Structure formats: structure tokens, C-alpha cells
Amino acid sequence: MAARLNYFADPTAAKALKHLMSAGKALKESPLPAATQELVALRVSQINGCAACIDMHTKEAAAAGETPVRLHLVAAWREATVFTEGERAALELAERGTRVADAAGGVDDEVWARAAKHYDEEQLTALTVLIAFMNAANRLNIIAQQPAGDYRAGQFH
């Protein structure tokens, strides 16, 4: 299976994606904990059904030491006991920020307050940008039908 588009072969898309990837690198360097970043990236990708991003973030998280149990339970984080309260707040914010159209109002004050209890303003900003970034990356991959399964941890570093 091949993708519909090769974004990096098109001069305009390649230029735009270079900037998008720079944004992703800046997020990786933010003070938001790396484990939280991977869990959020994985959850957003699960919601959107982006196989390529699920493949990538599952493998990146595992390579960084994330446990299989936590990775398998991300989709059911509400019922799982393996996440910290901060991670749970980040996952809730990620879900509400991703499901804007069907989340009955998007991110309400209670969801935001729960996240703000665990993350400072710089981390909240990084978390918010990460959620938007992942939604954009998911859409690019879904539209192009980017195949999944062959990603290797560290492939884009």
C-alpha cells in the first residue's frame, strides 16, 4: 500500500512540512514531560484513526521506556489505574480539544482547571499546541492514506 501523496516530493508541501516538523521539534524540547507528550499524541491519533501516527507514537513511547500496559490502556484511560492524575488531566484535555465538533462545547472550564492543577502555563501552552499539532499531522496522514507498520523509533530525528 502506498500513500496517495508524497508530501516531501512536492516543493510547496515539503517547505510547509519543514516548518511543521520544526514546530514538532520545539514541542519535544518543551518542559511538558516526554511521557505525557507521547500519551497525548497517541490518544489524539487513536481518536482520529491515524494509523501512521499511532504506529509512530506507540513505538517512540516504547523506545523511551513506556510500558506496554500503559500503551494498551491509553484508549481506556478513564478506567485505567496506571496513569497519574496529571496524565489523566492531559488526556482529558486532548480528547476535548480533538473532539471539538462533538464534545458539547469543547474544552470547558472544569477540564481546563484540572489540567492547570498539574501543569504550569508554559506546559499548558505546549500541551495545547501539541494537541493542535497532532490533529494537523493526523489529518495530513489520513487524507494521503499514509500506510502504517514500518515506522522505526527515531526515524525522523
C-alpha atoms as a PDB file:
ATOM      1  CA  MET A   1       0.000   0.000   0.000  1.00  0.00           C
ATOM      2  CA  ALA A   2       1.384   3.376  -0.982  1.00  0.00           C
ATOM      3  CA  ALA A   3       0.315   6.800   0.197  1.00  0.00           C
ATOM      4  CA  ARG A   4      -1.778   8.891  -2.187  1.00  0.00           C
ATOM      5  CA  LEU A   5       0.689  11.754  -1.910  1.00  0.00           C
ATOM      6  CA  ASN A   6       4.377  12.124  -1.208  1.00  0.00           C
ATOM      7  CA  TYR A   7       4.373  15.439   0.603  1.00  0.00           C
ATOM      8  CA  PHE A   8       8.150  15.642   0.630  1.00  0.00           C
ATOM      9  CA  ALA A   9       8.359  15.309  -3.172  1.00  0.00           C
ATOM     10  CA  ASP A  10       6.197  18.391  -3.714  1.00  0.00           C
ATOM     11  CA  PRO A  11       8.209  21.626  -3.288  1.00  0.00           C
ATOM     12  CA  THR A  12       5.402  23.605  -1.632  1.00  0.00           C
ATOM     13  CA  ALA A  13       4.326  20.810   0.697  1.00  0.00           C
ATOM     14  CA  ALA A  14       7.935  19.975   1.583  1.00  0.00           C
ATOM     15  CA  LYS A  15       8.582  23.599   2.508  1.00  0.00           C
ATOM     16  CA  ALA A  16       5.442  23.788   4.651  1.00  0.00           C
ATOM     17  CA  LEU A  17       6.146  20.441   6.327  1.00  0.00           C
ATOM     18  CA  LYS A  18       9.691  21.530   7.152  1.00  0.00           C
ATOM     19  CA  HIS A  19       8.157  24.275   9.279  1.00  0.00           C
ATOM     20  CA  LEU A  20       5.591  21.914  10.761  1.00  0.00           C
ATOM     21  CA  MET A  21       8.336  19.450  11.726  1.00  0.00           C
ATOM     22  CA  SER A  22      10.278  22.319  13.309  1.00  0.00           C
ATOM     23  CA  ALA A  23       7.223  23.008  15.453  1.00  0.00           C
ATOM     24  CA  GLY A  24       7.166  19.347  16.453  1.00  0.00           C
ATOM     25  CA  LYS A  25      10.837  19.526  17.446  1.00  0.00           C
ATOM     26  CA  ALA A  26      10.183  22.623  19.553  1.00  0.00           C
ATOM     27  CA  LEU A  27       7.375  20.775  21.345  1.00  0.00           C
ATOM     28  CA  LYS A  28       9.706  17.841  22.093  1.00  0.00           C
ATOM     29  CA  GLU A  29      12.081  20.336  23.733  1.00  0.00           C
ATOM     30  CA  SER A  30       9.332  21.941  25.835  1.00  0.00           C
ATOM     31  CA  PRO A  31       9.033  21.406  29.595  1.00  0.00           C
ATOM     32  CA  LEU A  32       5.949  19.216  29.110  1.00  0.00           C
ATOM     33  CA  PRO A  33       7.030  15.727  30.275  1.00  0.00           C
ATOM     34  CA  ALA A  34       8.033  13.461  27.391  1.00  0.00           C
ATOM     35  CA  ALA A  35       5.797  10.617  28.618  1.00  0.00           C
ATOM     36  CA  THR A  36       2.808  12.963  28.677  1.00  0.00           C
ATOM     37  CA  GLN A  37       3.617  14.158  25.168  1.00  0.00           C
ATOM     38  CA  GLU A  38       3.667  10.612  23.775  1.00  0.00           C
ATOM     39  CA  LEU A  39       0.483   9.581  25.612  1.00  0.00           C
ATOM     40  CA  VAL A  40      -1.347  12.662  24.326  1.00  0.00           C
ATOM     41  CA  ALA A  41      -0.027  12.189  20.775  1.00  0.00           C
ATOM     42  CA  LEU A  42      -1.148   8.569  20.872  1.00  0.00           C
ATOM     43  CA  ARG A  43      -4.617   9.377  22.244  1.00  0.00           C
ATOM     44  CA  VAL A  44      -5.290  12.128  19.697  1.00  0.00           C
ATOM     45  CA  SER A  45      -4.183   9.765  16.931  1.00  0.00           C
ATOM     46  CA  GLN A  46      -6.442   6.992  18.253  1.00  0.00           C
ATOM     47  CA  ILE A  47      -9.447   9.316  18.274  1.00  0.00           C
ATOM     48  CA  ASN A  48      -8.732  10.446  14.722  1.00  0.00           C
ATOM     49  CA  GLY A  49      -7.911   6.956  13.472  1.00  0.00           C
ATOM     50  CA  CYS A  50      -4.472   7.912  12.161  1.00  0.00           C
ATOM     51  CA  ALA A  51      -2.697   4.575  11.762  1.00  0.00           C
ATOM     52  CA  ALA A  52       0.652   6.146  10.819  1.00  0.00           C
ATOM     53  CA  CYS A  53       0.711   8.334  13.942  1.00  0.00           C
ATOM     54  CA  ILE A  54      -0.487   5.504  16.191  1.00  0.00           C
ATOM     55  CA  ASP A  55       2.379   3.403  14.817  1.00  0.00           C
ATOM     56  CA  MET A  56       4.893   6.197  15.338  1.00  0.00           C
ATOM     57  CA  HIS A  57       3.883   7.275  18.829  1.00  0.00           C
ATOM     58  CA  THR A  58       3.454   3.751  20.159  1.00  0.00           C
ATOM     59  CA  LYS A  59       6.977   2.896  19.017  1.00  0.00           C
ATOM     60  CA  GLU A  60       8.506   6.190  20.179  1.00  0.00           C
ATOM     61  CA  ALA A  61       6.901   5.812  23.609  1.00  0.00           C
ATOM     62  CA  ALA A  62       8.081   2.191  23.913  1.00  0.00           C
ATOM     63  CA  ALA A  63      11.611   3.174  22.898  1.00  0.00           C
ATOM     64  CA  ALA A  64      11.553   5.855  25.596  1.00  0.00           C
ATOM     65  CA  GLY A  65      10.655   3.233  28.198  1.00  0.00           C
ATOM     66  CA  GLU A  66       6.867   3.410  28.265  1.00  0.00           C
ATOM     67  CA  THR A  67       5.310   0.124  29.400  1.00  0.00           C
ATOM     68  CA  PRO A  68       3.116  -1.991  27.137  1.00  0.00           C
ATOM     69  CA  VAL A  69       0.355  -1.954  29.757  1.00  0.00           C
ATOM     70  CA  ARG A  70       0.115   1.849  29.726  1.00  0.00           C
ATOM     71  CA  LEU A  71       0.263   1.976  25.927  1.00  0.00           C
ATOM     72  CA  HIS A  72      -2.538  -0.576  25.631  1.00  0.00           C
ATOM     73  CA  LEU A  73      -4.685   1.287  28.148  1.00  0.00           C
ATOM     74  CA  VAL A  74      -4.439   4.777  26.667  1.00  0.00           C
ATOM     75  CA  ALA A  75      -7.724   4.284  24.795  1.00  0.00           C
ATOM     76  CA  ALA A  76      -9.423   3.410  28.108  1.00  0.00           C
ATOM     77  CA  TRP A  77      -7.551   5.844  30.351  1.00  0.00           C
ATOM     78  CA  ARG A  78     -10.651   6.774  32.385  1.00  0.00           C
ATOM     79  CA  GLU A  79     -10.958   3.258  33.776  1.00  0.00           C
ATOM     80  CA  ALA A  80      -7.224   2.520  33.957  1.00  0.00           C
ATOM     81  CA  THR A  81      -5.292   2.922  37.204  1.00  0.00           C
ATOM     82  CA  VAL A  82      -1.867   3.204  35.579  1.00  0.00           C
ATOM     83  CA  PHE A  83      -1.907   6.936  34.796  1.00  0.00           C
ATOM     84  CA  THR A  84      -1.074   9.822  37.115  1.00  0.00           C
ATOM     85  CA  GLU A  85      -3.668  12.499  37.813  1.00  0.00           C
ATOM     86  CA  GLY A  86      -1.637  14.887  35.651  1.00  0.00           C
ATOM     87  CA  GLU A  87      -1.584  12.447  32.737  1.00  0.00           C
ATOM     88  CA  ARG A  88      -5.315  11.881  33.140  1.00  0.00           C
ATOM     89  CA  ALA A  89      -5.921  15.639  33.023  1.00  0.00           C
ATOM     90  CA  ALA A  90      -3.758  15.929  29.894  1.00  0.00           C
ATOM     91  CA  LEU A  91      -5.587  13.045  28.211  1.00  0.00           C
ATOM     92  CA  GLU A  92      -8.943  14.614  29.039  1.00  0.00           C
ATOM     93  CA  LEU A  93      -7.822  17.952  27.602  1.00  0.00           C
ATOM     94  CA  ALA A  94      -6.524  16.155  24.497  1.00  0.00           C
ATOM     95  CA  GLU A  95      -9.844  14.394  23.977  1.00  0.00           C
ATOM     96  CA  ARG A  96     -11.899  17.557  24.410  1.00  0.00           C
ATOM     97  CA  GLY A  97      -9.536  19.562  22.202  1.00  0.00           C
ATOM     98  CA  THR A  98      -9.687  16.895  19.498  1.00  0.00           C
ATOM     99  CA  ARG A  99     -13.425  16.287  19.625  1.00  0.00           C
ATOM    100  CA  VAL A 100     -14.298  19.942  19.222  1.00  0.00           C
ATOM    101  CA  ALA A 101     -17.261  19.218  16.962  1.00  0.00           C
ATOM    102  CA  ASP A 102     -18.794  16.540  19.175  1.00  0.00           C
ATOM    103  CA  ALA A 103     -17.534  17.452  22.639  1.00  0.00           C
ATOM    104  CA  ALA A 104     -20.575  19.574  23.523  1.00  0.00           C
ATOM    105  CA  GLY A 105     -18.749  22.846  23.943  1.00  0.00           C
ATOM    106  CA  GLY A 106     -15.150  21.787  23.529  1.00  0.00           C
ATOM    107  CA  VAL A 107     -12.849  22.418  26.470  1.00  0.00           C
ATOM    108  CA  ASP A 108     -14.909  23.689  29.375  1.00  0.00           C
ATOM    109  CA  ASP A 109     -13.547  25.491  32.435  1.00  0.00           C
ATOM    110  CA  GLU A 110     -13.562  22.339  34.592  1.00  0.00           C
ATOM    111  CA  VAL A 111     -11.414  20.393  32.129  1.00  0.00           C
ATOM    112  CA  TRP A 112      -9.026  23.326  31.855  1.00  0.00           C
ATOM    113  CA  ALA A 113      -8.850  23.729  35.647  1.00  0.00           C
ATOM    114  CA  ARG A 114      -7.976  20.044  36.106  1.00  0.00           C
ATOM    115  CA  ALA A 115      -5.105  20.404  33.642  1.00  0.00           C
ATOM    116  CA  ALA A 116      -3.974  23.688  35.212  1.00  0.00           C
ATOM    117  CA  LYS A 117      -3.630  21.939  38.591  1.00  0.00           C
ATOM    118  CA  HIS A 118      -0.854  19.769  37.163  1.00  0.00           C
ATOM    119  CA  TYR A 119       0.881  21.917  34.563  1.00  0.00           C
ATOM    120  CA  ASP A 120       2.279  25.451  34.652  1.00  0.00           C
ATOM    121  CA  GLU A 121       1.473  27.994  31.946  1.00  0.00           C
ATOM    122  CA  GLU A 122       4.425  27.043  29.742  1.00  0.00           C
ATOM    123  CA  GLN A 123       3.495  23.354  29.950  1.00  0.00           C
ATOM    124  CA  LEU A 124      -0.189  24.105  29.298  1.00  0.00           C
ATOM    125  CA  THR A 125       0.792  26.114  26.240  1.00  0.00           C
ATOM    126  CA  ALA A 126       2.945  23.247  24.975  1.00  0.00           C
ATOM    127  CA  LEU A 127       0.118  20.791  25.676  1.00  0.00           C
ATOM    128  CA  THR A 128      -2.381  22.926  23.776  1.00  0.00           C
ATOM    129  CA  VAL A 129      -0.053  23.368  20.799  1.00  0.00           C
ATOM    130  CA  LEU A 130       0.728  19.622  20.856  1.00  0.00           C
ATOM    131  CA  ILE A 131      -2.976  18.767  20.664  1.00  0.00           C
ATOM    132  CA  ALA A 132      -3.443  21.088  17.676  1.00  0.00           C
ATOM    133  CA  PHE A 133      -0.205  19.861  16.079  1.00  0.00           C
ATOM    134  CA  MET A 134      -1.251  16.217  16.354  1.00  0.00           C
ATOM    135  CA  ASN A 135      -4.664  16.940  14.888  1.00  0.00           C
ATOM    136  CA  ALA A 136      -2.964  18.597  11.892  1.00  0.00           C
ATOM    137  CA  ALA A 137      -0.483  15.732  11.446  1.00  0.00           C
ATOM    138  CA  ASN A 138      -3.289  13.176  11.723  1.00  0.00           C
ATOM    139  CA  ARG A 139      -5.286  14.904   9.027  1.00  0.00           C
ATOM    140  CA  LEU A 140      -2.335  15.111   6.650  1.00  0.00           C
ATOM    141  CA  ASN A 141      -1.680  11.383   7.055  1.00  0.00           C
ATOM    142  CA  ILE A 142      -5.330  10.339   6.861  1.00  0.00           C
ATOM    143  CA  ILE A 143      -6.018  12.347   3.695  1.00  0.00           C
ATOM    144  CA  ALA A 144      -2.930  10.889   1.999  1.00  0.00           C
ATOM    145  CA  GLN A 145      -3.688   7.396   3.374  1.00  0.00           C
ATOM    146  CA  GLN A 146      -0.206   7.137   4.832  1.00  0.00           C
ATOM    147  CA  PRO A 147       0.447   3.430   5.480  1.00  0.00           C
ATOM    148  CA  ALA A 148       1.444   2.228   8.942  1.00  0.00           C
ATOM    149  CA  GLY A 149       3.557  -0.519  10.392  1.00  0.00           C
ATOM    150  CA  ASP A 150       7.043   0.203   9.079  1.00  0.00           C
ATOM    151  CA  TYR A 151       7.948   3.134  11.337  1.00  0.00           C
ATOM    152  CA  ARG A 152      11.183   2.778  13.323  1.00  0.00           C
ATOM    153  CA  ALA A 153      11.659   4.697  16.576  1.00  0.00           C
ATOM    154  CA  GLY A 154      13.861   7.727  15.957  1.00  0.00           C
ATOM    155  CA  GLN A 155      13.245   7.626  12.203  1.00  0.00           C
ATOM    156  CA  PHE A 156      12.564  11.356  11.957  1.00  0.00           C
ATOM    157  CA  HIS A 157      15.170  12.591  14.450  1.00  0.00           C
END
